[in-house]
PDB file of all heavy atoms in Angstrom:
ATOM      1  N   LEU A   1      89.915 126.624 114.065  1.00  0.00           N
ATOM      2  CA  LEU A   1      89.424 125.296 114.514  1.00  0.00           C
ATOM      3  C   LEU A   1      87.906 125.338 114.714  1.00  0.00           C
ATOM      4  O   LEU A   1      87.259 124.289 114.459  1.00  0.00           O
ATOM      5  CB  LEU A   1      90.113 124.974 115.899  1.00  0.00           C
ATOM      6  CG  LEU A   1      91.588 124.729 115.820  1.00  0.00           C
ATOM      7  CD1 LEU A   1      92.142 124.485 117.248  1.00  0.00           C
ATOM      8  CD2 LEU A   1      91.926 123.521 114.916  1.00  0.00           C
ATOM      9  N   GLY A   2      87.373 126.491 115.062  1.00  0.00           N
ATOM     10  CA  GLY A   2      85.918 126.545 115.281  1.00  0.00           C
ATOM     11  C   GLY A   2      85.094 126.451 114.048  1.00  0.00           C
ATOM     12  O   GLY A   2      83.877 126.264 114.122  1.00  0.00           O
ATOM     13  N   CYS A   3      85.759 126.649 112.868  1.00  0.00           N
ATOM     14  CA  CYS A   3      84.978 126.693 111.627  1.00  0.00           C
ATOM     15  C   CYS A   3      84.402 125.301 111.302  1.00  0.00           C
ATOM     16  O   CYS A   3      83.484 125.248 110.453  1.00  0.00           O
ATOM     17  CB  CYS A   3      85.871 127.136 110.495  1.00  0.00           C
ATOM     18  SG  CYS A   3      87.095 125.981 109.949  1.00  0.00           S
ATOM     19  N   TYR A   4      84.839 124.236 111.961  1.00  0.00           N
ATOM     20  CA  TYR A   4      84.236 122.904 111.632  1.00  0.00           C
ATOM     21  C   TYR A   4      82.769 122.884 111.988  1.00  0.00           C
ATOM     22  O   TYR A   4      81.965 122.295 111.256  1.00  0.00           O
ATOM     23  CB  TYR A   4      85.073 121.849 112.397  1.00  0.00           C
ATOM     24  CG  TYR A   4      86.387 121.585 111.896  1.00  0.00           C
ATOM     25  CD1 TYR A   4      87.509 122.096 112.538  1.00  0.00           C
ATOM     26  CD2 TYR A   4      86.588 120.840 110.704  1.00  0.00           C
ATOM     27  CE1 TYR A   4      88.817 121.934 112.038  1.00  0.00           C
ATOM     28  CE2 TYR A   4      87.885 120.636 110.218  1.00  0.00           C
ATOM     29  CZ  TYR A   4      89.058 121.178 110.924  1.00  0.00           C
ATOM     30  OH  TYR A   4      90.250 120.952 110.421  1.00  0.00           O
ATOM     31  N   LEU A   5      82.425 123.595 113.029  1.00  0.00           N
ATOM     32  CA  LEU A   5      80.937 123.642 113.355  1.00  0.00           C
ATOM     33  C   LEU A   5      80.186 124.429 112.273  1.00  0.00           C
ATOM     34  O   LEU A   5      79.125 124.048 111.855  1.00  0.00           O
ATOM     35  CB  LEU A   5      80.774 124.366 114.722  1.00  0.00           C
ATOM     36  CG  LEU A   5      79.327 124.528 115.191  1.00  0.00           C
ATOM     37  CD1 LEU A   5      78.613 123.215 115.290  1.00  0.00           C
ATOM     38  CD2 LEU A   5      79.285 125.288 116.504  1.00  0.00           C
ATOM     39  N   PHE A   6      80.789 125.510 111.776  1.00  0.00           N
ATOM     40  CA  PHE A   6      80.259 126.317 110.672  1.00  0.00           C
ATOM     41  C   PHE A   6      80.072 125.379 109.456  1.00  0.00           C
ATOM     42  O   PHE A   6      78.958 125.433 108.788  1.00  0.00           O
ATOM     43  CB  PHE A   6      81.190 127.456 110.354  1.00  0.00           C
ATOM     44  CG  PHE A   6      80.940 128.261 109.133  1.00  0.00           C
ATOM     45  CD1 PHE A   6      79.722 128.817 108.907  1.00  0.00           C
ATOM     46  CD2 PHE A   6      81.922 128.360 108.161  1.00  0.00           C
ATOM     47  CE1 PHE A   6      79.474 129.539 107.737  1.00  0.00           C
ATOM     48  CE2 PHE A   6      81.757 129.066 106.997  1.00  0.00           C
ATOM     49  CZ  PHE A   6      80.435 129.691 106.843  1.00  0.00           C
ATOM     50  N   TRP A   7      81.027 124.564 109.154  1.00  0.00           N
ATOM     51  CA  TRP A   7      80.909 123.668 108.009  1.00  0.00           C
ATOM     52  C   TRP A   7      79.762 122.716 108.185  1.00  0.00           C
ATOM     53  O   TRP A   7      78.961 122.468 107.253  1.00  0.00           O
ATOM     54  CB  TRP A   7      82.238 122.872 107.850  1.00  0.00           C
ATOM     55  CG  TRP A   7      83.459 123.707 107.441  1.00  0.00           C
ATOM     56  CD1 TRP A   7      83.438 125.000 107.197  1.00  0.00           C
ATOM     57  CD2 TRP A   7      84.731 123.187 107.340  1.00  0.00           C
ATOM     58  NE1 TRP A   7      84.717 125.377 106.904  1.00  0.00           N
ATOM     59  CE2 TRP A   7      85.590 124.344 106.994  1.00  0.00           C
ATOM     60  CE3 TRP A   7      85.373 122.002 107.550  1.00  0.00           C
ATOM     61  CZ2 TRP A   7      86.966 124.179 106.792  1.00  0.00           C
ATOM     62  CZ3 TRP A   7      86.676 121.821 107.319  1.00  0.00           C
ATOM     63  CH2 TRP A   7      87.458 122.999 106.932  1.00  0.00           C
ATOM     64  N   ILE A   8      79.637 122.060 109.365  1.00  0.00           N
ATOM     65  CA  ILE A   8      78.586 121.111 109.582  1.00  0.00           C
ATOM     66  C   ILE A   8      77.205 121.715 109.404  1.00  0.00           C
ATOM     67  O   ILE A   8      76.364 121.128 108.723  1.00  0.00           O
ATOM     68  CB  ILE A   8      78.701 120.501 111.000  1.00  0.00           C
ATOM     69  CG1 ILE A   8      80.040 119.661 111.091  1.00  0.00           C
ATOM     70  CG2 ILE A   8      77.499 119.650 111.331  1.00  0.00           C
ATOM     71  CD1 ILE A   8      80.351 119.249 112.508  1.00  0.00           C
ATOM     72  N   VAL A   9      77.006 122.849 110.057  1.00  0.00           N
ATOM     73  CA  VAL A   9      75.676 123.473 110.028  1.00  0.00           C
ATOM     74  C   VAL A   9      75.309 123.889 108.601  1.00  0.00           C
ATOM     75  O   VAL A   9      74.240 123.582 108.103  1.00  0.00           O
ATOM     76  CB  VAL A   9      75.673 124.736 110.950  1.00  0.00           C
ATOM     77  CG1 VAL A   9      74.361 125.531 110.711  1.00  0.00           C
ATOM     78  CG2 VAL A   9      75.807 124.335 112.408  1.00  0.00           C
ATOM     79  N   ASN A  10      76.303 124.486 107.873  1.00  0.00           N
ATOM     80  CA  ASN A  10      75.961 125.020 106.480  1.00  0.00           C
ATOM     81  C   ASN A  10      75.820 123.900 105.500  1.00  0.00           C
ATOM     82  O   ASN A  10      74.950 123.985 104.619  1.00  0.00           O
ATOM     83  CB  ASN A  10      76.963 126.022 106.067  1.00  0.00           C
ATOM     84  CG  ASN A  10      76.699 127.410 106.578  1.00  0.00           C
ATOM     85  OD1 ASN A  10      76.275 127.550 107.764  1.00  0.00           O
ATOM     86  ND2 ASN A  10      76.835 128.450 105.844  1.00  0.00           N
ATOM     87  N   TYR A  11      76.628 122.854 105.637  1.00  0.00           N
ATOM     88  CA  TYR A  11      76.423 121.746 104.696  1.00  0.00           C
ATOM     89  C   TYR A  11      75.090 121.041 104.896  1.00  0.00           C
ATOM     90  O   TYR A  11      74.457 120.601 103.961  1.00  0.00           O
ATOM     91  CB  TYR A  11      77.588 120.745 104.870  1.00  0.00           C
ATOM     92  CG  TYR A  11      78.724 120.988 103.844  1.00  0.00           C
ATOM     93  CD1 TYR A  11      79.391 122.231 103.875  1.00  0.00           C
ATOM     94  CD2 TYR A  11      79.155 120.031 102.942  1.00  0.00           C
ATOM     95  CE1 TYR A  11      80.393 122.531 102.965  1.00  0.00           C
ATOM     96  CE2 TYR A  11      80.177 120.264 102.024  1.00  0.00           C
ATOM     97  CZ  TYR A  11      80.790 121.508 102.080  1.00  0.00           C
ATOM     98  OH  TYR A  11      81.828 121.749 101.193  1.00  0.00           O
ATOM     99  N   ILE A  12      74.607 121.022 106.111  1.00  0.00           N
ATOM    100  CA  ILE A  12      73.330 120.460 106.405  1.00  0.00           C
ATOM    101  C   ILE A  12      72.195 121.373 105.834  1.00  0.00           C
ATOM    102  O   ILE A  12      71.200 120.885 105.207  1.00  0.00           O
ATOM    103  CB  ILE A  12      73.110 120.218 107.877  1.00  0.00           C
ATOM    104  CG1 ILE A  12      73.944 119.027 108.391  1.00  0.00           C
ATOM    105  CG2 ILE A  12      71.561 119.906 108.181  1.00  0.00           C
ATOM    106  CD1 ILE A  12      73.886 118.835 109.893  1.00  0.00           C
ATOM    107  N   LEU A  13      72.386 122.659 106.009  1.00  0.00           N
ATOM    108  CA  LEU A  13      71.424 123.637 105.444  1.00  0.00           C
ATOM    109  C   LEU A  13      71.405 123.505 103.949  1.00  0.00           C
ATOM    110  O   LEU A  13      70.342 123.570 103.273  1.00  0.00           O
ATOM    111  CB  LEU A  13      71.772 125.002 105.838  1.00  0.00           C
ATOM    112  CG  LEU A  13      71.505 125.416 107.326  1.00  0.00           C
ATOM    113  CD1 LEU A  13      72.043 126.823 107.640  1.00  0.00           C
ATOM    114  CD2 LEU A  13      70.012 125.340 107.684  1.00  0.00           C
ATOM    115  N   ILE A  14      72.578 123.339 103.332  1.00  0.00           N
ATOM    116  CA  ILE A  14      72.674 123.194 101.863  1.00  0.00           C
ATOM    117  C   ILE A  14      71.999 121.880 101.442  1.00  0.00           C
ATOM    118  O   ILE A  14      71.267 121.814 100.417  1.00  0.00           O
ATOM    119  CB  ILE A  14      74.088 123.278 101.332  1.00  0.00           C
ATOM    120  CG1 ILE A  14      74.633 124.694 101.632  1.00  0.00           C
ATOM    121  CG2 ILE A  14      74.252 122.871  99.895  1.00  0.00           C
ATOM    122  CD1 ILE A  14      76.165 124.770 101.518  1.00  0.00           C
ATOM    123  N   GLY A  15      72.172 120.850 102.267  1.00  0.00           N
ATOM    124  CA  GLY A  15      71.526 119.587 101.954  1.00  0.00           C
ATOM    125  C   GLY A  15      70.012 119.573 102.082  1.00  0.00           C
ATOM    126  O   GLY A  15      69.380 118.651 101.598  1.00  0.00           O
ATOM    127  N   ARG A  16      69.457 120.605 102.693  1.00  0.00           N
ATOM    128  CA  ARG A  16      68.024 120.730 102.870  1.00  0.00           C
ATOM    129  C   ARG A  16      67.431 121.483 101.646  1.00  0.00           C
ATOM    130  O   ARG A  16      66.167 121.655 101.648  1.00  0.00           O
ATOM    131  CB  ARG A  16      67.719 121.474 104.125  1.00  0.00           C
ATOM    132  CG  ARG A  16      67.937 120.615 105.406  1.00  0.00           C
ATOM    133  CD  ARG A  16      67.858 121.469 106.692  1.00  0.00           C
ATOM    134  NE  ARG A  16      66.478 122.077 106.804  1.00  0.00           N
ATOM    135  CZ  ARG A  16      65.475 121.359 107.385  1.00  0.00           C
ATOM    136  NH1 ARG A  16      65.595 120.149 107.808  1.00  0.00           N
ATOM    137  NH2 ARG A  16      64.298 122.013 107.450  1.00  0.00           N
ATOM    138  N   GLN A  17      68.207 121.911 100.727  1.00  0.00           N
ATOM    139  CA  GLN A  17      67.700 122.687  99.570  1.00  0.00           C
ATOM    140  C   GLN A  17      67.027 121.693  98.588  1.00  0.00           C
ATOM    141  O   GLN A  17      67.066 120.467  98.797  1.00  0.00           O
ATOM    142  CB  GLN A  17      68.846 123.399  98.857  1.00  0.00           C
ATOM    143  CG  GLN A  17      69.571 124.390  99.751  1.00  0.00           C
ATOM    144  CD  GLN A  17      68.612 125.468 100.311  1.00  0.00           C
ATOM    145  OE1 GLN A  17      67.931 126.101  99.604  1.00  0.00           O
ATOM    146  NE2 GLN A  17      68.764 125.730 101.613  1.00  0.00           N
ATOM    147  N   GLU A  18      66.439 122.215  97.516  1.00  0.00           N
ATOM    148  CA  GLU A  18      65.867 121.371  96.550  1.00  0.00           C
ATOM    149  C   GLU A  18      66.895 120.468  95.885  1.00  0.00           C
ATOM    150  O   GLU A  18      68.098 120.749  95.823  1.00  0.00           O
ATOM    151  CB  GLU A  18      65.185 122.209  95.431  1.00  0.00           C
ATOM    152  CG  GLU A  18      64.015 122.994  95.861  1.00  0.00           C
ATOM    153  CD  GLU A  18      63.363 123.793  94.823  1.00  0.00           C
ATOM    154  OE1 GLU A  18      63.963 123.747  93.638  1.00  0.00           O
ATOM    155  OE2 GLU A  18      62.425 124.581  95.051  1.00  0.00           O
ATOM    156  N   LYS A  19      66.452 119.302  95.458  1.00  0.00           N
ATOM    157  CA  LYS A  19      67.366 118.249  94.944  1.00  0.00           C
ATOM    158  C   LYS A  19      68.285 118.765  93.833  1.00  0.00           C
ATOM    159  O   LYS A  19      69.458 118.463  93.793  1.00  0.00           O
ATOM    160  CB  LYS A  19      66.559 117.035  94.406  1.00  0.00           C
ATOM    161  CG  LYS A  19      67.484 115.850  94.186  1.00  0.00           C
ATOM    162  CD  LYS A  19      66.704 114.603  93.771  1.00  0.00           C
ATOM    163  CE  LYS A  19      67.625 113.429  93.509  1.00  0.00           C
ATOM    164  NZ  LYS A  19      66.935 112.254  93.077  1.00  0.00           N
ATOM    165  N   LYS A  20      67.745 119.592  92.947  1.00  0.00           N
ATOM    166  CA  LYS A  20      68.536 120.199  91.865  1.00  0.00           C
ATOM    167  C   LYS A  20      69.748 120.953  92.445  1.00  0.00           C
ATOM    168  O   LYS A  20      70.847 120.786  91.939  1.00  0.00           O
ATOM    169  CB  LYS A  20      67.674 121.074  90.966  1.00  0.00           C
ATOM    170  CG  LYS A  20      68.495 121.699  89.805  1.00  0.00           C
ATOM    171  CD  LYS A  20      67.604 122.547  88.970  1.00  0.00           C
ATOM    172  CE  LYS A  20      67.141 123.840  89.607  1.00  0.00           C
ATOM    173  NZ  LYS A  20      66.443 124.761  88.682  1.00  0.00           N
ATOM    174  N   GLU A  21      69.486 121.724  93.463  1.00  0.00           N
ATOM    175  CA  GLU A  21      70.540 122.522  94.062  1.00  0.00           C
ATOM    176  C   GLU A  21      71.520 121.672  94.812  1.00  0.00           C
ATOM    177  O   GLU A  21      72.719 121.928  94.919  1.00  0.00           O
ATOM    178  CB  GLU A  21      69.962 123.589  94.987  1.00  0.00           C
ATOM    179  CG  GLU A  21      69.110 124.646  94.309  1.00  0.00           C
ATOM    180  CD  GLU A  21      69.821 125.346  93.206  1.00  0.00           C
ATOM    181  OE1 GLU A  21      70.998 125.690  93.401  1.00  0.00           O
ATOM    182  OE2 GLU A  21      69.308 125.599  92.097  1.00  0.00           O
ATOM    183  N   VAL A  22      71.023 120.644  95.441  1.00  0.00           N
ATOM    184  CA  VAL A  22      71.867 119.637  96.200  1.00  0.00           C
ATOM    185  C   VAL A  22      72.811 118.963  95.206  1.00  0.00           C
ATOM    186  O   VAL A  22      73.989 118.855  95.485  1.00  0.00           O
ATOM    187  CB  VAL A  22      71.035 118.674  96.959  1.00  0.00           C
ATOM    188  CG1 VAL A  22      71.920 117.524  97.473  1.00  0.00           C
ATOM    189  CG2 VAL A  22      70.319 119.331  98.108  1.00  0.00           C
ATOM    190  N   CYS A  23      72.271 118.533  94.023  1.00  0.00           N
ATOM    191  CA  CYS A  23      73.109 117.886  93.043  1.00  0.00           C
ATOM    192  C   CYS A  23      74.207 118.843  92.491  1.00  0.00           C
ATOM    193  O   CYS A  23      75.361 118.422  92.371  1.00  0.00           O
ATOM    194  CB  CYS A  23      72.235 117.433  91.874  1.00  0.00           C
ATOM    195  SG  CYS A  23      71.163 116.041  92.249  1.00  0.00           S
ATOM    196  N   ARG A  24      73.818 120.059  92.254  1.00  0.00           N
ATOM    197  CA  ARG A  24      74.820 121.002  91.783  1.00  0.00           C
ATOM    198  C   ARG A  24      75.914 121.193  92.814  1.00  0.00           C
ATOM    199  O   ARG A  24      77.123 121.208  92.495  1.00  0.00           O
ATOM    200  CB  ARG A  24      74.114 122.385  91.443  1.00  0.00           C
ATOM    201  CG  ARG A  24      75.115 123.416  91.044  1.00  0.00           C
ATOM    202  CD  ARG A  24      74.493 124.763  90.910  1.00  0.00           C
ATOM    203  NE  ARG A  24      75.497 125.787  90.464  1.00  0.00           N
ATOM    204  CZ  ARG A  24      75.262 127.085  90.329  1.00  0.00           C
ATOM    205  NH1 ARG A  24      74.042 127.561  90.494  1.00  0.00           N
ATOM    206  NH2 ARG A  24      76.224 127.921  89.994  1.00  0.00           N
ATOM    207  N   PHE A  25      75.518 121.445  94.081  1.00  0.00           N
ATOM    208  CA  PHE A  25      76.504 121.764  95.116  1.00  0.00           C
ATOM    209  C   PHE A  25      77.474 120.624  95.286  1.00  0.00           C
ATOM    210  O   PHE A  25      78.706 120.873  95.363  1.00  0.00           O
ATOM    211  CB  PHE A  25      75.808 122.131  96.437  1.00  0.00           C
ATOM    212  CG  PHE A  25      76.794 122.484  97.480  1.00  0.00           C
ATOM    213  CD1 PHE A  25      77.284 123.715  97.663  1.00  0.00           C
ATOM    214  CD2 PHE A  25      77.128 121.466  98.438  1.00  0.00           C
ATOM    215  CE1 PHE A  25      78.201 124.009  98.667  1.00  0.00           C
ATOM    216  CE2 PHE A  25      78.082 121.788  99.427  1.00  0.00           C
ATOM    217  CZ  PHE A  25      78.587 123.018  99.552  1.00  0.00           C
ATOM    218  N   PHE A  26      76.922 119.426  95.515  1.00  0.00           N
ATOM    219  CA  PHE A  26      77.863 118.312  95.817  1.00  0.00           C
ATOM    220  C   PHE A  26      78.620 117.856  94.667  1.00  0.00           C
ATOM    221  O   PHE A  26      79.674 117.215  94.818  1.00  0.00           O
ATOM    222  CB  PHE A  26      77.074 117.231  96.516  1.00  0.00           C
ATOM    223  CG  PHE A  26      76.752 117.542  97.937  1.00  0.00           C
ATOM    224  CD1 PHE A  26      75.502 117.999  98.269  1.00  0.00           C
ATOM    225  CD2 PHE A  26      77.664 117.456  98.923  1.00  0.00           C
ATOM    226  CE1 PHE A  26      75.150 118.359  99.632  1.00  0.00           C
ATOM    227  CE2 PHE A  26      77.397 117.740 100.233  1.00  0.00           C
ATOM    228  CZ  PHE A  26      76.130 118.244 100.580  1.00  0.00           C
ATOM    229  N   ALA A  27      78.087 118.100  93.395  1.00  0.00           N
ATOM    230  CA  ALA A  27      78.957 117.812  92.225  1.00  0.00           C
ATOM    231  C   ALA A  27      80.117 118.796  92.212  1.00  0.00           C
ATOM    232  O   ALA A  27      81.283 118.379  91.957  1.00  0.00           O
ATOM    233  CB  ALA A  27      78.118 117.998  90.948  1.00  0.00           C
ATOM    234  N   ALA A  28      79.896 120.031  92.544  1.00  0.00           N
ATOM    235  CA  ALA A  28      80.970 120.999  92.625  1.00  0.00           C
ATOM    236  C   ALA A  28      81.962 120.660  93.733  1.00  0.00           C
ATOM    237  O   ALA A  28      83.162 120.799  93.561  1.00  0.00           O
ATOM    238  CB  ALA A  28      80.394 122.396  92.884  1.00  0.00           C
ATOM    239  N   ASP A  29      81.377 120.225  94.892  1.00  0.00           N
ATOM    240  CA  ASP A  29      82.242 119.816  95.978  1.00  0.00           C
ATOM    241  C   ASP A  29      83.169 118.671  95.579  1.00  0.00           C
ATOM    242  O   ASP A  29      84.410 118.664  95.881  1.00  0.00           O
ATOM    243  CB  ASP A  29      81.358 119.412  97.197  1.00  0.00           C
ATOM    244  CG  ASP A  29      82.103 119.190  98.480  1.00  0.00           C
ATOM    245  OD1 ASP A  29      82.443 120.142  99.145  1.00  0.00           O
ATOM    246  OD2 ASP A  29      82.412 117.956  98.752  1.00  0.00           O
ATOM    247  N   PHE A  30      82.586 117.707  94.858  1.00  0.00           N
ATOM    248  CA  PHE A  30      83.426 116.602  94.392  1.00  0.00           C
ATOM    249  C   PHE A  30      84.500 116.977  93.432  1.00  0.00           C
ATOM    250  O   PHE A  30      85.677 116.630  93.515  1.00  0.00           O
ATOM    251  CB  PHE A  30      82.540 115.493  93.811  1.00  0.00           C
ATOM    252  CG  PHE A  30      83.285 114.403  93.068  1.00  0.00           C
ATOM    253  CD1 PHE A  30      83.875 113.381  93.824  1.00  0.00           C
ATOM    254  CD2 PHE A  30      83.372 114.356  91.704  1.00  0.00           C
ATOM    255  CE1 PHE A  30      84.625 112.411  93.217  1.00  0.00           C
ATOM    256  CE2 PHE A  30      84.068 113.372  91.038  1.00  0.00           C
ATOM    257  CZ  PHE A  30      84.679 112.347  91.755  1.00  0.00           C
ATOM    258  N   LEU A  31      84.136 117.783  92.482  1.00  0.00           N
ATOM    259  CA  LEU A  31      85.049 118.315  91.447  1.00  0.00           C
ATOM    260  C   LEU A  31      86.241 119.063  92.139  1.00  0.00           C
ATOM    261  O   LEU A  31      87.386 118.864  91.700  1.00  0.00           O
ATOM    262  CB  LEU A  31      84.398 119.158  90.440  1.00  0.00           C
ATOM    263  CG  LEU A  31      83.427 118.482  89.430  1.00  0.00           C
ATOM    264  CD1 LEU A  31      82.687 119.535  88.657  1.00  0.00           C
ATOM    265  CD2 LEU A  31      84.178 117.482  88.593  1.00  0.00           C
ATOM    266  N   SER A  32      85.928 119.825  93.119  1.00  0.00           N
ATOM    267  CA  SER A  32      86.974 120.651  93.774  1.00  0.00           C
ATOM    268  C   SER A  32      87.978 119.765  94.447  1.00  0.00           C
ATOM    269  O   SER A  32      89.196 120.068  94.414  1.00  0.00           O
ATOM    270  CB  SER A  32      86.335 121.600  94.785  1.00  0.00           C
ATOM    271  OG  SER A  32      85.846 120.896  95.909  1.00  0.00           O
ATOM    272  N   ARG A  33      87.552 118.679  95.067  1.00  0.00           N
ATOM    273  CA  ARG A  33      88.513 117.778  95.710  1.00  0.00           C
ATOM    274  C   ARG A  33      89.426 117.008  94.740  1.00  0.00           C
ATOM    275  O   ARG A  33      90.560 116.719  95.023  1.00  0.00           O
ATOM    276  CB  ARG A  33      87.792 116.809  96.614  1.00  0.00           C
ATOM    277  CG  ARG A  33      87.014 117.383  97.728  1.00  0.00           C
ATOM    278  CD  ARG A  33      87.711 118.513  98.515  1.00  0.00           C
ATOM    279  NE  ARG A  33      86.992 118.890  99.704  1.00  0.00           N
ATOM    280  CZ  ARG A  33      85.911 119.635  99.693  1.00  0.00           C
ATOM    281  NH1 ARG A  33      85.462 120.161  98.543  1.00  0.00           N
ATOM    282  NH2 ARG A  33      85.290 119.874 100.827  1.00  0.00           N
ATOM    283  N   VAL A  34      88.833 116.737  93.549  1.00  0.00           N
ATOM    284  CA  VAL A  34      89.599 116.062  92.537  1.00  0.00           C
ATOM    285  C   VAL A  34      90.738 117.036  92.043  1.00  0.00           C
ATOM    286  O   VAL A  34      91.910 116.643  92.005  1.00  0.00           O
ATOM    287  CB  VAL A  34      88.757 115.651  91.302  1.00  0.00           C
ATOM    288  CG1 VAL A  34      89.635 115.225  90.166  1.00  0.00           C
ATOM    289  CG2 VAL A  34      87.728 114.592  91.693  1.00  0.00           C
ATOM    290  N   VAL A  35      90.415 118.340  91.922  1.00  0.00           N
ATOM    291  CA  VAL A  35      91.389 119.289  91.535  1.00  0.00           C
ATOM    292  C   VAL A  35      92.445 119.444  92.704  1.00  0.00           C
ATOM    293  O   VAL A  35      93.619 119.534  92.412  1.00  0.00           O
ATOM    294  CB  VAL A  35      90.715 120.670  91.256  1.00  0.00           C
ATOM    295  CG1 VAL A  35      91.797 121.737  91.016  1.00  0.00           C
ATOM    296  CG2 VAL A  35      89.828 120.587  90.067  1.00  0.00           C
ATOM    297  N   CYS A  36      91.960 119.432  93.891  1.00  0.00           N
ATOM    298  CA  CYS A  36      92.895 119.562  95.082  1.00  0.00           C
ATOM    299  C   CYS A  36      93.867 118.395  95.037  1.00  0.00           C
ATOM    300  O   CYS A  36      95.096 118.648  95.247  1.00  0.00           O
ATOM    301  CB  CYS A  36      92.096 119.566  96.375  1.00  0.00           C
ATOM    302  SG  CYS A  36      91.306 121.066  96.785  1.00  0.00           S
ATOM    303  N   LEU A  37      93.381 117.218  94.805  1.00  0.00           N
ATOM    304  CA  LEU A  37      94.222 116.008  94.742  1.00  0.00           C
ATOM    305  C   LEU A  37      95.322 116.121  93.692  1.00  0.00           C
ATOM    306  O   LEU A  37      96.467 115.863  93.948  1.00  0.00           O
ATOM    307  CB  LEU A  37      93.387 114.746  94.529  1.00  0.00           C
ATOM    308  CG  LEU A  37      94.135 113.430  94.431  1.00  0.00           C
ATOM    309  CD1 LEU A  37      94.906 113.154  95.739  1.00  0.00           C
ATOM    310  CD2 LEU A  37      93.179 112.292  94.102  1.00  0.00           C
ATOM    311  N   VAL A  38      94.956 116.666  92.537  1.00  0.00           N
ATOM    312  CA  VAL A  38      95.879 116.795  91.443  1.00  0.00           C
ATOM    313  C   VAL A  38      96.965 117.857  91.858  1.00  0.00           C
ATOM    314  O   VAL A  38      98.174 117.634  91.686  1.00  0.00           O
ATOM    315  CB  VAL A  38      95.188 117.272  90.183  1.00  0.00           C
ATOM    316  CG1 VAL A  38      96.212 117.679  89.131  1.00  0.00           C
ATOM    317  CG2 VAL A  38      94.268 116.169  89.645  1.00  0.00           C
ATOM    318  N   CYS A  39      96.497 118.935  92.527  1.00  0.00           N
ATOM    319  CA  CYS A  39      97.407 119.981  92.898  1.00  0.00           C
ATOM    320  C   CYS A  39      98.371 119.479  93.922  1.00  0.00           C
ATOM    321  O   CYS A  39      99.609 119.767  93.895  1.00  0.00           O
ATOM    322  CB  CYS A  39      96.652 121.176  93.389  1.00  0.00           C
ATOM    323  SG  CYS A  39      95.746 122.191  92.162  1.00  0.00           S
TER     324      CYS A  39
END
């Protein structure tokens, strides 16, 4: 249950990276949820 705080902090830290890295990360995040939905 405590990992939700870990997620919030790290996603914000990732969002503070350069735009190229942000685009890559959140594109990957989106693709993963599409696969999850299919599964």
